[in-house]
């Protein structure tokens, strides 16, 4: 009986360590920017126009960012990973045809500047853009963030992606606001 109690105690002790290790590993797997609440996200919108001014493509999607307007923020300045800005971009013709998608990942901030004229911060860097032929890497990309943090404007170098997003692509990101989603007129 004593051997059975000892065996049961040892099994229980080992099981406790296993649970503690599982919880520790689970906590480590959560991205730090989710824990410190520095990320923002929201919908993307935009259009591309052809030479005659007609709309060629309607652009929609979602984005996520940890970029801040603080040009002294080491998180932004030294970010050499894909976490600074990511986007899923969907394109569709105005008649509803030719629907396809792209991703913008691996945005690396090379420099950032405050733009006093339009009250924003511009982050210049490179990103990877998924295209039909495969990923296009080191594409010059600028992300402009309004100082109030409500708008992000994504500009992808047109020539680097064979003008796939148009000659002067501007894709607008709107920061999601949980208070707006809880507004009473939306819940009626």
N, C-alpha and C. Protein backbone atom coordinates (compact mmCIF):
# COMPACT_ATOMS: atom_id res chain seq x y z
N UNK A 1 0.82 -1.19 0.00
CA UNK A 1 0.00 0.00 0.00
C UNK A 1 0.87 1.26 0.00
N UNK A 2 1.96 1.24 0.77
CA UNK A 2 2.86 2.38 0.83
C UNK A 2 3.50 2.64 -0.54
N UNK A 3 3.85 1.60 -1.27
CA UNK A 3 4.43 1.74 -2.61
C UNK A 3 3.42 2.38 -3.55
N UNK A 4 2.15 1.98 -3.45
CA UNK A 4 1.10 2.55 -4.29
C UNK A 4 0.93 4.04 -4.00
N UNK A 5 0.95 4.43 -2.71
CA UNK A 5 0.83 5.84 -2.33
C UNK A 5 2.01 6.64 -2.86
N UNK A 6 3.20 6.08 -2.74
CA UNK A 6 4.40 6.76 -3.22
C UNK A 6 4.34 6.93 -4.73
N UNK A 7 3.95 5.86 -5.43
CA UNK A 7 3.84 5.92 -6.89
C UNK A 7 2.80 6.95 -7.32
N UNK A 8 1.68 7.00 -6.62
CA UNK A 8 0.62 7.97 -6.91
C UNK A 8 1.12 9.39 -6.67
N UNK A 9 1.85 9.61 -5.57
CA UNK A 9 2.40 10.92 -5.26
C UNK A 9 3.40 11.38 -6.33
N UNK A 10 4.30 10.48 -6.74
CA UNK A 10 5.29 10.81 -7.77
C UNK A 10 4.59 11.12 -9.10
N UNK A 11 3.59 10.36 -9.46
CA UNK A 11 2.83 10.60 -10.69
C UNK A 11 2.14 11.96 -10.65
N UNK A 12 1.55 12.27 -9.52
CA UNK A 12 0.89 13.57 -9.35
C UNK A 12 1.90 14.71 -9.44
N UNK A 13 3.06 14.53 -8.83
CA UNK A 13 4.10 15.54 -8.87
C UNK A 13 4.61 15.78 -10.29
N UNK A 14 4.86 14.71 -11.02
CA UNK A 14 5.31 14.83 -12.42
C UNK A 14 4.24 15.48 -13.28
N UNK A 15 2.98 15.12 -13.05
CA UNK A 15 1.88 15.73 -13.80
C UNK A 15 1.80 17.23 -13.54
N UNK A 16 2.04 17.64 -12.32
CA UNK A 16 2.01 19.07 -11.98
C UNK A 16 3.09 19.83 -12.73
N UNK A 17 4.30 19.26 -12.79
CA UNK A 17 5.38 19.90 -13.54
C UNK A 17 5.04 20.00 -15.02
N UNK A 18 4.40 18.98 -15.55
CA UNK A 18 4.02 18.98 -16.96
C UNK A 18 3.03 20.10 -17.25
N UNK A 19 2.04 20.28 -16.38
CA UNK A 19 1.05 21.34 -16.55
C UNK A 19 1.71 22.70 -16.46
N UNK A 20 2.60 22.89 -15.48
CA UNK A 20 3.30 24.16 -15.33
C UNK A 20 4.14 24.46 -16.57
N UNK A 21 4.84 23.46 -17.10
CA UNK A 21 5.65 23.65 -18.30
C UNK A 21 4.77 23.99 -19.50
N UNK A 22 3.60 23.34 -19.62
CA UNK A 22 2.68 23.63 -20.72
C UNK A 22 2.21 25.08 -20.65
N UNK A 23 1.81 25.53 -19.46
CA UNK A 23 1.34 26.90 -19.30
C UNK A 23 2.47 27.88 -19.60
N UNK A 24 3.69 27.59 -19.15
CA UNK A 24 4.83 28.46 -19.42
C UNK A 24 5.09 28.56 -20.92
N UNK A 25 5.07 27.44 -21.63
CA UNK A 25 5.29 27.45 -23.07
C UNK A 25 4.16 28.16 -23.80
N UNK A 26 2.94 28.02 -23.34
CA UNK A 26 1.80 28.70 -23.96
C UNK A 26 1.97 30.21 -23.83
N UNK A 27 2.37 30.68 -22.66
CA UNK A 27 2.55 32.11 -22.45
C UNK A 27 3.67 32.66 -23.32
N UNK A 28 4.73 31.90 -23.54
CA UNK A 28 5.84 32.35 -24.36
C UNK A 28 5.42 32.43 -25.83
N UNK A 29 4.47 31.61 -26.25
CA UNK A 29 4.05 31.56 -27.65
C UNK A 29 3.20 32.76 -28.05
N UNK A 30 2.72 33.53 -27.10
CA UNK A 30 1.91 34.71 -27.41
C UNK A 30 2.83 35.84 -27.82
N UNK A 31 2.61 36.43 -29.01
CA UNK A 31 3.48 37.53 -29.45
C UNK A 31 3.49 38.67 -28.44
N UNK A 32 4.67 39.21 -28.12
CA UNK A 32 4.76 40.27 -27.12
C UNK A 32 3.93 41.50 -27.44
N UNK A 33 3.78 41.85 -28.74
CA UNK A 33 3.01 43.05 -29.08
C UNK A 33 1.53 42.88 -28.78
N UNK A 34 1.05 41.63 -28.68
CA UNK A 34 -0.34 41.42 -28.27
C UNK A 34 -0.48 41.61 -26.76
N UNK A 35 0.55 41.25 -26.02
CA UNK A 35 0.49 41.40 -24.57
C UNK A 35 0.64 42.85 -24.14
N UNK A 36 1.43 43.65 -24.85
CA UNK A 36 1.64 45.03 -24.43
C UNK A 36 0.66 45.99 -25.10
N UNK A 37 -0.25 45.48 -25.89
CA UNK A 37 -1.33 46.27 -26.49
C UNK A 37 -0.83 47.42 -27.36
N UNK A 38 0.31 47.26 -28.02
CA UNK A 38 0.82 48.29 -28.92
C UNK A 38 0.28 48.13 -30.33
N UNK A 39 -0.35 47.02 -30.63
CA UNK A 39 -0.81 46.81 -32.00
C UNK A 39 -2.16 47.48 -32.24
N UNK A 40 -2.37 47.88 -33.47
CA UNK A 40 -3.65 48.38 -33.94
C UNK A 40 -3.96 47.66 -35.24
N UNK A 41 -5.20 47.66 -35.64
CA UNK A 41 -5.60 46.95 -36.85
C UNK A 41 -6.88 47.56 -37.39
N UNK A 42 -7.26 47.13 -38.59
CA UNK A 42 -8.50 47.62 -39.16
C UNK A 42 -8.64 47.25 -40.61
N UNK A 43 -9.66 47.83 -41.27
CA UNK A 43 -9.89 47.54 -42.69
C UNK A 43 -9.02 48.40 -43.60
N UNK A 44 -8.78 47.90 -44.80
CA UNK A 44 -8.09 48.63 -45.87
C UNK A 44 -9.09 48.97 -46.96
N UNK A 45 -8.91 50.12 -47.60
CA UNK A 45 -9.75 50.50 -48.73
C UNK A 45 -8.90 51.24 -49.75
N UNK A 46 -9.30 51.19 -50.99
CA UNK A 46 -8.59 51.93 -52.02
C UNK A 46 -9.13 51.57 -53.40
N UNK A 47 -8.70 52.30 -54.40
CA UNK A 47 -9.02 52.01 -55.79
C UNK A 47 -7.78 52.30 -56.63
N UNK A 48 -7.70 51.67 -57.78
CA UNK A 48 -6.67 52.03 -58.75
C UNK A 48 -7.40 52.54 -59.99
N UNK A 49 -6.79 53.55 -60.62
CA UNK A 49 -7.39 54.13 -61.82
C UNK A 49 -6.46 53.93 -63.00
N UNK A 50 -7.06 53.82 -64.19
CA UNK A 50 -6.25 53.70 -65.41
C UNK A 50 -5.95 55.09 -65.96
N UNK A 51 -5.33 55.15 -67.13
CA UNK A 51 -4.91 56.44 -67.72
C UNK A 51 -6.08 57.35 -68.06
N UNK A 52 -7.28 56.77 -68.29
CA UNK A 52 -8.44 57.60 -68.61
C UNK A 52 -9.18 58.05 -67.35
N UNK A 53 -8.72 57.62 -66.18
CA UNK A 53 -9.37 58.02 -64.93
C UNK A 53 -10.44 57.06 -64.46
N UNK A 54 -10.69 56.00 -65.24
CA UNK A 54 -11.68 55.00 -64.82
C UNK A 54 -11.07 54.08 -63.76
N UNK A 55 -11.90 53.58 -62.88
CA UNK A 55 -11.44 52.67 -61.84
C UNK A 55 -11.16 51.30 -62.44
N UNK A 56 -9.93 50.82 -62.26
CA UNK A 56 -9.55 49.48 -62.72
C UNK A 56 -9.82 48.42 -61.65
N UNK A 57 -9.45 48.75 -60.41
CA UNK A 57 -9.57 47.79 -59.32
C UNK A 57 -10.11 48.46 -58.07
N UNK A 58 -10.92 47.71 -57.34
CA UNK A 58 -11.35 48.09 -56.00
C UNK A 58 -10.49 47.27 -55.05
N UNK A 59 -9.93 47.93 -54.05
CA UNK A 59 -9.03 47.27 -53.11
C UNK A 59 -9.67 47.27 -51.73
N UNK A 60 -9.63 46.13 -51.07
CA UNK A 60 -10.13 46.00 -49.70
C UNK A 60 -9.24 45.00 -48.98
N UNK A 61 -9.32 45.00 -47.68
CA UNK A 61 -8.54 44.03 -46.92
C UNK A 61 -8.46 44.40 -45.46
N UNK A 62 -7.48 43.82 -44.79
CA UNK A 62 -7.24 44.10 -43.38
C UNK A 62 -5.75 44.31 -43.16
N UNK A 63 -5.41 44.97 -42.07
CA UNK A 63 -4.03 45.26 -41.75
C UNK A 63 -3.84 45.21 -40.24
N UNK A 64 -2.57 45.14 -39.83
CA UNK A 64 -2.20 45.13 -38.42
C UNK A 64 -0.83 45.80 -38.29
N UNK A 65 -0.65 46.63 -37.25
CA UNK A 65 0.59 47.39 -37.12
C UNK A 65 0.99 47.60 -35.67
N UNK A 66 2.31 47.77 -35.46
CA UNK A 66 2.82 48.22 -34.17
C UNK A 66 3.62 49.51 -34.34
N UNK A 67 3.47 50.18 -35.50
CA UNK A 67 4.18 51.43 -35.74
C UNK A 67 3.63 52.53 -34.85
N UNK A 68 4.52 53.35 -34.31
CA UNK A 68 4.09 54.49 -33.50
C UNK A 68 4.62 55.76 -34.14
N UNK A 69 4.11 56.89 -33.72
CA UNK A 69 4.58 58.17 -34.25
C UNK A 69 5.84 58.65 -33.56
N UNK A 70 6.31 57.93 -32.57
CA UNK A 70 7.51 58.33 -31.84
C UNK A 70 8.74 57.93 -32.64
N UNK A 71 9.41 58.90 -33.27
CA UNK A 71 10.58 58.58 -34.09
C UNK A 71 11.76 58.14 -33.24
N UNK A 72 11.65 58.26 -31.91
CA UNK A 72 12.70 57.78 -31.02
C UNK A 72 12.36 56.40 -30.45
N UNK A 73 11.24 55.83 -30.87
CA UNK A 73 10.81 54.53 -30.38
C UNK A 73 11.70 53.43 -30.96
N UNK A 74 12.48 52.78 -30.12
CA UNK A 74 13.40 51.73 -30.58
C UNK A 74 12.66 50.54 -31.17
N UNK A 75 11.43 50.29 -30.72
CA UNK A 75 10.67 49.17 -31.27
C UNK A 75 10.46 49.37 -32.76
N UNK A 76 10.13 50.60 -33.16
CA UNK A 76 9.91 50.90 -34.57
C UNK A 76 11.22 51.04 -35.31
N UNK A 77 12.13 51.81 -34.78
CA UNK A 77 13.38 52.09 -35.48
C UNK A 77 14.21 50.84 -35.73
N UNK A 78 14.22 49.94 -34.78
CA UNK A 78 15.08 48.76 -34.89
C UNK A 78 14.31 47.52 -35.29
N UNK A 79 13.09 47.69 -35.74
CA UNK A 79 12.29 46.52 -36.07
C UNK A 79 12.76 45.94 -37.40
N UNK A 80 13.35 44.79 -37.34
CA UNK A 80 13.83 44.12 -38.54
C UNK A 80 13.00 42.87 -38.79
N UNK A 81 11.77 42.86 -38.31
CA UNK A 81 10.92 41.69 -38.48
C UNK A 81 9.64 42.03 -39.21
N UNK A 82 8.81 41.04 -39.39
CA UNK A 82 7.56 41.23 -40.12
C UNK A 82 6.44 41.78 -39.25
N UNK A 83 6.70 42.08 -38.00
CA UNK A 83 5.64 42.51 -37.10
C UNK A 83 5.26 43.97 -37.17
N UNK A 84 6.07 44.82 -37.82
CA UNK A 84 5.79 46.26 -37.82
C UNK A 84 4.51 46.59 -38.57
N UNK A 85 4.28 45.95 -39.69
CA UNK A 85 3.07 46.18 -40.48
C UNK A 85 2.83 44.97 -41.36
N UNK A 86 1.59 44.50 -41.37
CA UNK A 86 1.19 43.38 -42.23
C UNK A 86 -0.17 43.72 -42.82
N UNK A 87 -0.43 43.23 -44.02
CA UNK A 87 -1.73 43.47 -44.63
C UNK A 87 -2.13 42.32 -45.54
N UNK A 88 -3.41 42.05 -45.56
CA UNK A 88 -4.02 41.13 -46.53
C UNK A 88 -4.83 42.02 -47.46
N UNK A 89 -4.48 41.99 -48.75
CA UNK A 89 -5.07 42.91 -49.73
C UNK A 89 -5.85 42.10 -50.76
N UNK A 90 -7.11 42.46 -50.94
CA UNK A 90 -7.94 41.81 -51.94
C UNK A 90 -8.27 42.82 -53.03
N UNK A 91 -8.17 42.38 -54.28
CA UNK A 91 -8.47 43.25 -55.42
C UNK A 91 -9.58 42.61 -56.25
N UNK A 92 -10.47 43.45 -56.75
CA UNK A 92 -11.57 42.96 -57.58
C UNK A 92 -11.94 44.07 -58.58
N UNK A 93 -12.30 43.67 -59.78
CA UNK A 93 -12.73 44.65 -60.80
C UNK A 93 -14.08 45.24 -60.38
N UNK A 94 -14.38 46.46 -60.83
CA UNK A 94 -15.65 47.08 -60.49
C UNK A 94 -16.87 46.28 -60.93
N UNK A 95 -16.71 45.40 -61.94
CA UNK A 95 -17.85 44.57 -62.37
C UNK A 95 -17.92 43.26 -61.58
N UNK A 96 -17.06 43.10 -60.56
CA UNK A 96 -17.11 41.91 -59.70
C UNK A 96 -16.28 40.74 -60.18
N UNK A 97 -15.47 40.91 -61.23
CA UNK A 97 -14.67 39.81 -61.77
C UNK A 97 -13.20 39.92 -61.34
N UNK A 98 -12.46 38.89 -61.65
CA UNK A 98 -11.00 38.84 -61.47
C UNK A 98 -10.55 39.04 -60.02
N UNK A 99 -11.33 38.56 -59.10
CA UNK A 99 -11.00 38.69 -57.68
C UNK A 99 -9.74 37.89 -57.35
N UNK A 100 -8.81 38.55 -56.63
CA UNK A 100 -7.59 37.87 -56.20
C UNK A 100 -7.02 38.59 -54.98
N UNK A 101 -6.03 37.98 -54.36
CA UNK A 101 -5.50 38.58 -53.13
C UNK A 101 -3.97 38.62 -53.12
N UNK A 102 -3.46 39.48 -52.26
CA UNK A 102 -2.03 39.67 -52.05
C UNK A 102 -1.79 39.83 -50.56
N UNK A 103 -0.54 39.71 -50.16
CA UNK A 103 -0.16 40.03 -48.80
C UNK A 103 1.02 40.98 -48.81
N UNK A 104 1.07 41.83 -47.82
CA UNK A 104 2.21 42.69 -47.57
C UNK A 104 2.77 42.21 -46.24
N UNK A 105 4.00 41.70 -46.23
CA UNK A 105 4.62 41.20 -45.02
C UNK A 105 6.06 41.68 -44.94
N UNK A 106 6.71 41.33 -43.86
CA UNK A 106 8.14 41.61 -43.66
C UNK A 106 8.49 43.07 -43.85
N UNK A 107 7.61 43.97 -43.40
CA UNK A 107 7.92 45.40 -43.51
C UNK A 107 9.05 45.74 -42.56
N UNK A 108 10.13 46.27 -43.11
CA UNK A 108 11.31 46.67 -42.34
C UNK A 108 11.45 48.18 -42.44
N UNK A 109 11.42 48.86 -41.31
CA UNK A 109 11.54 50.31 -41.28
C UNK A 109 13.01 50.69 -41.49
N UNK A 110 13.26 51.50 -42.51
CA UNK A 110 14.60 52.01 -42.77
C UNK A 110 14.79 53.38 -42.12
N UNK A 111 13.74 54.21 -42.17
CA UNK A 111 13.78 55.51 -41.51
C UNK A 111 12.36 56.01 -41.33
N UNK A 112 12.20 56.99 -40.47
CA UNK A 112 10.89 57.61 -40.28
C UNK A 112 11.08 59.10 -40.08
N UNK A 113 10.10 59.87 -40.54
CA UNK A 113 10.16 61.32 -40.42
C UNK A 113 8.79 61.85 -40.01
N UNK A 114 8.81 62.93 -39.26
CA UNK A 114 7.58 63.64 -38.92
C UNK A 114 7.26 64.58 -40.07
N UNK A 115 6.02 64.57 -40.53
CA UNK A 115 5.59 65.46 -41.60
C UNK A 115 4.65 66.49 -40.98
N UNK A 116 5.18 67.69 -40.73
CA UNK A 116 4.40 68.74 -40.08
C UNK A 116 3.27 69.26 -40.97
N UNK A 117 3.45 69.19 -42.29
CA UNK A 117 2.44 69.71 -43.22
C UNK A 117 1.11 68.99 -43.08
N UNK A 118 1.15 67.69 -42.93
CA UNK A 118 -0.13 66.96 -42.84
C UNK A 118 -0.26 66.20 -41.53
N UNK A 119 0.52 66.59 -40.52
CA UNK A 119 0.35 66.05 -39.18
C UNK A 119 0.45 64.52 -39.16
N UNK A 120 1.56 64.00 -39.66
CA UNK A 120 1.72 62.55 -39.72
C UNK A 120 3.18 62.15 -39.60
N UNK A 121 3.38 60.84 -39.46
CA UNK A 121 4.72 60.26 -39.47
C UNK A 121 4.79 59.32 -40.66
N UNK A 122 5.89 59.41 -41.41
CA UNK A 122 6.07 58.55 -42.58
C UNK A 122 7.19 57.56 -42.27
N UNK A 123 6.87 56.27 -42.42
CA UNK A 123 7.84 55.20 -42.21
C UNK A 123 8.23 54.67 -43.59
N UNK A 124 9.48 54.83 -43.95
CA UNK A 124 9.97 54.31 -45.22
C UNK A 124 10.73 53.02 -44.96
N UNK A 125 10.52 52.06 -45.84
CA UNK A 125 11.22 50.79 -45.69
C UNK A 125 10.98 49.89 -46.86
N UNK A 126 11.09 48.62 -46.61
CA UNK A 126 10.85 47.61 -47.65
C UNK A 126 9.90 46.56 -47.10
N UNK A 127 9.24 45.88 -48.03
CA UNK A 127 8.32 44.81 -47.64
C UNK A 127 8.35 43.72 -48.69
N UNK A 128 7.72 42.62 -48.35
CA UNK A 128 7.51 41.53 -49.30
C UNK A 128 6.05 41.57 -49.73
N UNK A 129 5.83 41.56 -51.04
CA UNK A 129 4.47 41.59 -51.60
C UNK A 129 4.26 40.28 -52.34
N UNK A 130 3.19 39.56 -51.98
CA UNK A 130 2.90 38.33 -52.72
C UNK A 130 2.22 38.70 -54.04
N UNK A 131 2.73 38.14 -55.11
CA UNK A 131 2.18 38.35 -56.45
C UNK A 131 1.91 36.98 -57.08
N UNK A 132 1.23 36.97 -58.20
CA UNK A 132 0.90 35.72 -58.88
C UNK A 132 2.16 34.90 -59.19
N UNK A 133 3.22 35.59 -59.59
CA UNK A 133 4.47 34.92 -59.96
C UNK A 133 5.26 34.44 -58.75
N UNK A 134 4.88 34.87 -57.56
CA UNK A 134 5.59 34.54 -56.33
C UNK A 134 5.88 35.80 -55.53
N UNK A 135 6.53 35.66 -54.39
CA UNK A 135 6.79 36.83 -53.56
C UNK A 135 7.82 37.77 -54.18
N UNK A 136 7.52 39.05 -54.14
CA UNK A 136 8.46 40.09 -54.55
C UNK A 136 9.04 40.67 -53.27
N UNK A 137 10.35 40.57 -53.11
CA UNK A 137 10.99 40.97 -51.86
C UNK A 137 11.68 42.33 -51.99
N UNK A 138 11.88 42.95 -50.85
CA UNK A 138 12.56 44.25 -50.77
C UNK A 138 11.90 45.32 -51.64
N UNK A 139 10.58 45.33 -51.62
CA UNK A 139 9.81 46.34 -52.38
C UNK A 139 9.76 47.63 -51.56
N UNK A 140 10.22 48.75 -52.12
CA UNK A 140 10.12 50.02 -51.39
C UNK A 140 8.66 50.30 -51.03
N UNK A 141 8.45 50.53 -49.74
CA UNK A 141 7.10 50.72 -49.21
C UNK A 141 7.13 51.85 -48.19
N UNK A 142 6.10 52.70 -48.23
CA UNK A 142 5.96 53.76 -47.23
C UNK A 142 4.64 53.58 -46.51
N UNK A 143 4.68 53.76 -45.22
CA UNK A 143 3.47 53.74 -44.41
C UNK A 143 3.37 55.09 -43.73
N UNK A 144 2.30 55.81 -44.00
CA UNK A 144 2.09 57.13 -43.39
C UNK A 144 1.02 56.97 -42.33
N UNK A 145 1.34 57.36 -41.11
CA UNK A 145 0.41 57.23 -39.99
C UNK A 145 0.03 58.62 -39.50
N UNK A 146 -1.27 58.90 -39.45
CA UNK A 146 -1.72 60.20 -38.94
C UNK A 146 -1.33 60.30 -37.47
N UNK A 147 -1.01 61.51 -37.02
CA UNK A 147 -0.58 61.67 -35.63
C UNK A 147 -1.66 61.30 -34.62
N UNK A 148 -2.92 61.39 -35.01
CA UNK A 148 -3.97 60.96 -34.09
C UNK A 148 -4.17 59.45 -34.14
N UNK A 149 -3.45 58.77 -35.04
CA UNK A 149 -3.47 57.32 -35.08
C UNK A 149 -4.68 56.70 -35.74
N UNK A 150 -5.51 57.48 -36.41
CA UNK A 150 -6.73 56.94 -36.99
C UNK A 150 -6.58 56.44 -38.43
N UNK A 151 -5.60 56.93 -39.15
CA UNK A 151 -5.43 56.59 -40.57
C UNK A 151 -4.00 56.15 -40.85
N UNK A 152 -3.87 55.10 -41.64
CA UNK A 152 -2.59 54.65 -42.18
C UNK A 152 -2.73 54.67 -43.70
N UNK A 153 -1.73 55.21 -44.39
CA UNK A 153 -1.75 55.21 -45.85
C UNK A 153 -0.55 54.39 -46.33
N UNK A 154 -0.83 53.35 -47.09
CA UNK A 154 0.20 52.45 -47.59
C UNK A 154 0.50 52.81 -49.04
N UNK A 155 1.78 53.03 -49.33
CA UNK A 155 2.21 53.30 -50.70
C UNK A 155 3.26 52.26 -51.07
N UNK A 156 2.94 51.47 -52.09
CA UNK A 156 3.85 50.44 -52.61
C UNK A 156 4.47 50.98 -53.88
N UNK A 157 5.80 50.91 -54.00
CA UNK A 157 6.48 51.42 -55.19
C UNK A 157 5.89 50.75 -56.43
N UNK A 158 5.25 51.52 -57.32
CA UNK A 158 4.55 50.93 -58.47
C UNK A 158 5.46 50.16 -59.43
N UNK A 159 6.60 50.73 -59.73
CA UNK A 159 7.50 50.10 -60.71
C UNK A 159 8.02 48.75 -60.22
N UNK A 160 8.25 48.65 -58.90
CA UNK A 160 8.80 47.41 -58.33
C UNK A 160 7.85 46.22 -58.41
N UNK A 161 6.56 46.51 -58.60
CA UNK A 161 5.57 45.43 -58.71
C UNK A 161 4.87 45.49 -60.07
N UNK A 162 5.59 45.98 -61.08
CA UNK A 162 5.07 46.09 -62.45
C UNK A 162 3.72 46.78 -62.52
N UNK A 163 3.54 47.81 -61.71
CA UNK A 163 2.32 48.63 -61.70
C UNK A 163 1.06 47.82 -61.41
N UNK A 164 1.20 46.71 -60.70
CA UNK A 164 0.04 45.87 -60.41
C UNK A 164 -1.02 46.62 -59.60
N UNK A 165 -0.59 47.52 -58.71
CA UNK A 165 -1.52 48.28 -57.88
C UNK A 165 -1.79 49.66 -58.46
N UNK A 166 -1.43 49.90 -59.73
CA UNK A 166 -1.65 51.17 -60.38
C UNK A 166 -0.38 52.01 -60.38
N UNK A 167 -0.49 53.19 -61.01
CA UNK A 167 0.68 54.07 -61.14
C UNK A 167 0.99 54.85 -59.87
N UNK A 168 0.00 55.15 -59.08
CA UNK A 168 0.24 55.86 -57.81
C UNK A 168 -0.68 55.26 -56.74
N UNK A 169 -0.34 54.05 -56.33
CA UNK A 169 -1.24 53.36 -55.40
C UNK A 169 -1.23 53.97 -54.00
N UNK A 170 -2.40 54.28 -53.51
CA UNK A 170 -2.60 54.69 -52.13
C UNK A 170 -3.67 53.78 -51.56
N UNK A 171 -3.29 53.05 -50.56
CA UNK A 171 -4.25 52.15 -49.90
C UNK A 171 -4.43 52.69 -48.49
N UNK A 172 -5.66 52.98 -48.13
CA UNK A 172 -5.97 53.59 -46.84
C UNK A 172 -6.38 52.54 -45.82
N UNK A 173 -5.76 52.62 -44.66
CA UNK A 173 -6.14 51.78 -43.53
C UNK A 173 -6.80 52.62 -42.47
N UNK A 174 -7.92 52.16 -41.97
CA UNK A 174 -8.65 52.85 -40.91
C UNK A 174 -8.49 52.03 -39.64
N UNK A 175 -8.11 52.68 -38.55
CA UNK A 175 -7.94 51.97 -37.29
C UNK A 175 -9.32 51.58 -36.75
N UNK A 176 -9.47 50.31 -36.43
CA UNK A 176 -10.73 49.84 -35.84
C UNK A 176 -10.90 50.44 -34.46
N UNK A 177 -12.11 50.86 -34.17
CA UNK A 177 -12.43 51.47 -32.89
C UNK A 177 -13.51 50.64 -32.21
N UNK A 178 -13.17 49.92 -31.15
CA UNK A 178 -14.17 49.09 -30.47
C UNK A 178 -15.37 49.90 -29.99
N UNK A 179 -15.17 51.17 -29.60
CA UNK A 179 -16.29 51.99 -29.15
C UNK A 179 -17.27 52.26 -30.29
N UNK A 180 -16.75 52.45 -31.50
CA UNK A 180 -17.61 52.65 -32.65
C UNK A 180 -18.45 51.40 -32.91
N UNK A 181 -17.82 50.24 -32.77
CA UNK A 181 -18.54 48.98 -33.02
C UNK A 181 -19.63 48.74 -31.99
N UNK A 182 -19.49 49.32 -30.81
CA UNK A 182 -20.49 49.15 -29.74
C UNK A 182 -21.57 50.23 -29.79
N UNK A 183 -21.47 51.13 -30.75
CA UNK A 183 -22.42 52.25 -30.82
C UNK A 183 -23.86 51.74 -30.88
N UNK A 184 -24.74 52.44 -30.23
CA UNK A 184 -26.12 52.00 -30.10
C UNK A 184 -26.84 51.85 -31.43
N UNK A 185 -26.51 52.69 -32.41
CA UNK A 185 -27.21 52.59 -33.70
C UNK A 185 -26.82 51.32 -34.46
N UNK A 186 -25.70 50.71 -34.11
CA UNK A 186 -25.32 49.47 -34.77
C UNK A 186 -25.98 48.25 -34.13
N UNK A 187 -26.43 48.38 -32.90
CA UNK A 187 -26.99 47.24 -32.19
C UNK A 187 -28.52 47.21 -32.23
N UNK A 188 -29.12 48.14 -32.93
CA UNK A 188 -30.60 48.18 -33.00
C UNK A 188 -31.11 47.22 -34.01
